Amino acid sequence: MYAIVRCGGRQEKVAPDDVLTVDRLPGEAGSTVTLPALLVVDGDRVISDPAEVSRYRVTADIVGDAAGPKINMIHYRNKTGYRRRLGHRQRYTQVRITGISPETAEAKPERAAAQATATRAPEAQAATEED
């Protein structure tokens, strides 16, 4: 089983126990993050329908921080004595994929209740404005 997830503006192919380097994520080493799945492949079954894919959760543990290669930039203007040396090193987070699984039955009612209140909020607002 593997999945295509979106993280840091890019799409990555992940499977359980993969270590992935992504743009900096908030959190400390050992904390858990959930990545949004765009496609899930389970054996011969390919799940790409957004309604079905939204039921799957891709969980990952933060392994630690990493840094990309040093990029050196030099600005120079001829005949003026202007020279500047700049450097940049992009920060990354390494995550280990712990699982790709459908949502549990306990999580589904909470999510449905949250969506129901979000859709009812404009109706409730209109009712209070009329009074």
Protein backbone atom coordinates (compact mmCIF):
# COMPACT_ATOMS: atom_id res chain seq x y z
CA MET A 1 0.00 0.00 0.00
CA TYR A 2 1.22 3.47 -0.84
CA ALA A 3 -0.20 6.96 -1.12
CA ILE A 4 0.48 10.26 -2.81
CA VAL A 5 0.43 13.05 -0.21
CA ARG A 6 0.72 16.83 -0.40
CA CYS A 7 3.31 18.43 1.82
CA GLY A 8 5.11 21.72 1.44
CA GLY A 9 3.59 22.54 -1.95
CA ARG A 10 4.82 19.30 -3.48
CA GLN A 11 3.38 15.84 -3.93
CA GLU A 12 5.31 12.85 -2.60
CA LYS A 13 4.85 9.09 -2.94
CA VAL A 14 4.95 7.50 0.52
CA ALA A 15 4.63 4.03 2.01
CA PRO A 16 4.75 2.92 5.66
CA ASP A 17 8.23 3.22 7.24
CA ASP A 18 9.48 5.66 4.58
CA VAL A 19 11.56 8.60 5.79
CA LEU A 20 10.67 11.76 3.93
CA THR A 21 12.35 15.17 3.91
CA VAL A 22 9.79 17.99 3.66
CA ASP A 23 9.77 21.74 4.20
CA ARG A 24 9.95 22.83 7.82
CA LEU A 25 6.95 21.68 9.89
CA PRO A 26 5.98 22.98 13.31
CA GLY A 27 6.52 20.47 16.08
CA GLU A 28 9.28 18.69 17.92
CA ALA A 29 10.95 15.34 17.31
CA GLY A 30 8.61 12.52 18.28
CA SER A 31 5.36 14.41 17.66
CA THR A 32 2.80 13.12 15.16
CA VAL A 33 1.53 14.92 12.05
CA THR A 34 -1.20 14.03 9.56
CA LEU A 35 -0.59 14.58 5.86
CA PRO A 36 -3.47 14.99 3.35
CA ALA A 37 -3.72 12.10 0.89
CA LEU A 38 -4.45 12.78 -2.77
CA LEU A 39 -4.34 9.18 -4.02
CA VAL A 40 -4.21 5.79 -2.27
CA VAL A 41 -3.14 2.53 -3.92
CA ASP A 42 -3.99 -0.66 -2.03
CA GLY A 43 -2.87 -3.67 -4.06
CA ASP A 44 -4.94 -3.59 -7.26
CA ARG A 45 -7.35 -0.98 -5.92
CA VAL A 46 -6.64 2.66 -6.81
CA ILE A 47 -8.59 5.23 -4.80
CA SER A 48 -8.60 8.70 -6.34
CA ASP A 49 -12.14 9.93 -5.67
CA PRO A 50 -11.84 12.90 -3.27
CA ALA A 51 -14.76 11.65 -1.17
CA GLU A 52 -13.12 8.26 -0.65
CA VAL A 53 -9.57 9.56 -0.28
CA SER A 54 -10.68 11.97 2.45
CA ARG A 55 -11.49 8.91 4.60
CA TYR A 56 -7.83 7.84 4.61
CA ARG A 57 -5.29 9.22 7.05
CA VAL A 58 -1.54 9.27 6.43
CA THR A 59 0.18 9.67 9.78
CA ALA A 60 3.85 10.42 10.31
CA ASP A 61 6.21 10.96 13.23
CA ILE A 62 8.70 13.79 13.14
CA VAL A 63 12.21 12.30 13.22
CA GLY A 64 14.11 15.56 13.44
CA ASP A 65 15.31 18.65 11.64
CA ALA A 66 17.63 18.75 8.66
CA ALA A 67 19.30 21.43 6.58
CA GLY A 68 19.81 21.61 2.85
CA PRO A 69 23.05 22.45 1.10
CA LYS A 70 24.67 25.83 1.62
CA ILE A 71 23.98 28.21 -1.26
CA ASN A 72 26.50 31.03 -1.66
CA MET A 73 25.63 34.23 -3.50
CA ILE A 74 28.04 37.00 -4.38
CA HIS A 75 26.94 40.48 -5.50
CA TYR A 76 29.59 42.52 -7.28
CA ARG A 77 29.45 45.86 -9.05
CA ASN A 78 32.34 46.82 -11.23
CA LYS A 79 34.50 49.87 -10.43
CA THR A 80 32.64 50.84 -7.25
CA GLY A 81 34.14 48.62 -4.58
CA TYR A 82 30.72 47.06 -3.95
CA ARG A 83 30.98 43.40 -2.94
CA ARG A 84 28.52 41.42 -0.84
CA ARG A 85 28.63 37.77 0.07
CA LEU A 86 25.37 36.13 1.13
CA GLY A 87 24.52 32.59 2.12
CA HIS A 88 21.35 30.59 2.57
CA ARG A 89 20.60 27.17 3.97
CA GLN A 90 17.04 25.87 3.68
CA ARG A 91 15.60 24.17 6.77
CA TYR A 92 13.76 20.87 6.44
CA THR A 93 11.97 18.37 8.66
CA GLN A 94 12.40 14.62 8.34
CA VAL A 95 9.28 12.54 8.95
CA ARG A 96 8.77 8.77 9.13
CA ILE A 97 5.47 7.54 7.72
CA THR A 98 3.82 5.38 10.39
CA GLY A 99 0.62 4.38 8.63
CA ILE A 100 -1.89 4.75 5.85
CA SER A 101 -5.30 3.72 7.08
CA PRO A 102 -9.00 4.54 6.79
CA GLU A 103 -10.46 6.72 9.54
CA THR A 104 -11.70 4.87 12.59
CA ALA A 105 -15.41 4.66 13.33
CA GLU A 106 -14.91 6.93 16.39
CA ALA A 107 -13.39 9.75 14.32
CA LYS A 108 -16.12 9.77 11.67
CA PRO A 109 -18.99 11.07 13.89
CA GLU A 110 -16.79 13.89 15.24
CA ARG A 111 -15.86 14.93 11.72
CA ALA A 112 -19.47 14.71 10.52
CA ALA A 113 -20.63 16.82 13.48
CA ALA A 114 -17.99 19.45 12.75
CA GLN A 115 -19.03 19.60 9.10
CA ALA A 116 -22.72 19.82 10.05
CA THR A 117 -22.14 22.78 12.37
CA ALA A 118 -20.03 24.49 9.71
CA THR A 119 -22.81 24.19 7.14
CA ARG A 120 -25.54 25.24 9.60
CA ALA A 121 -23.70 28.32 10.82
CA PRO A 122 -24.85 30.62 7.97
CA GLU A 123 -28.48 29.51 8.43
CA ALA A 124 -28.30 30.19 12.17
CA GLN A 125 -26.79 33.62 11.49
CA ALA A 126 -29.62 34.51 9.11
CA ALA A 127 -32.21 33.46 11.73
CA THR A 128 -30.64 35.67 14.40
CA GLU A 129 -30.47 38.65 12.03
CA GLU A 130 -34.21 38.41 11.26
CA ASP A 131 -35.17 38.62 14.97
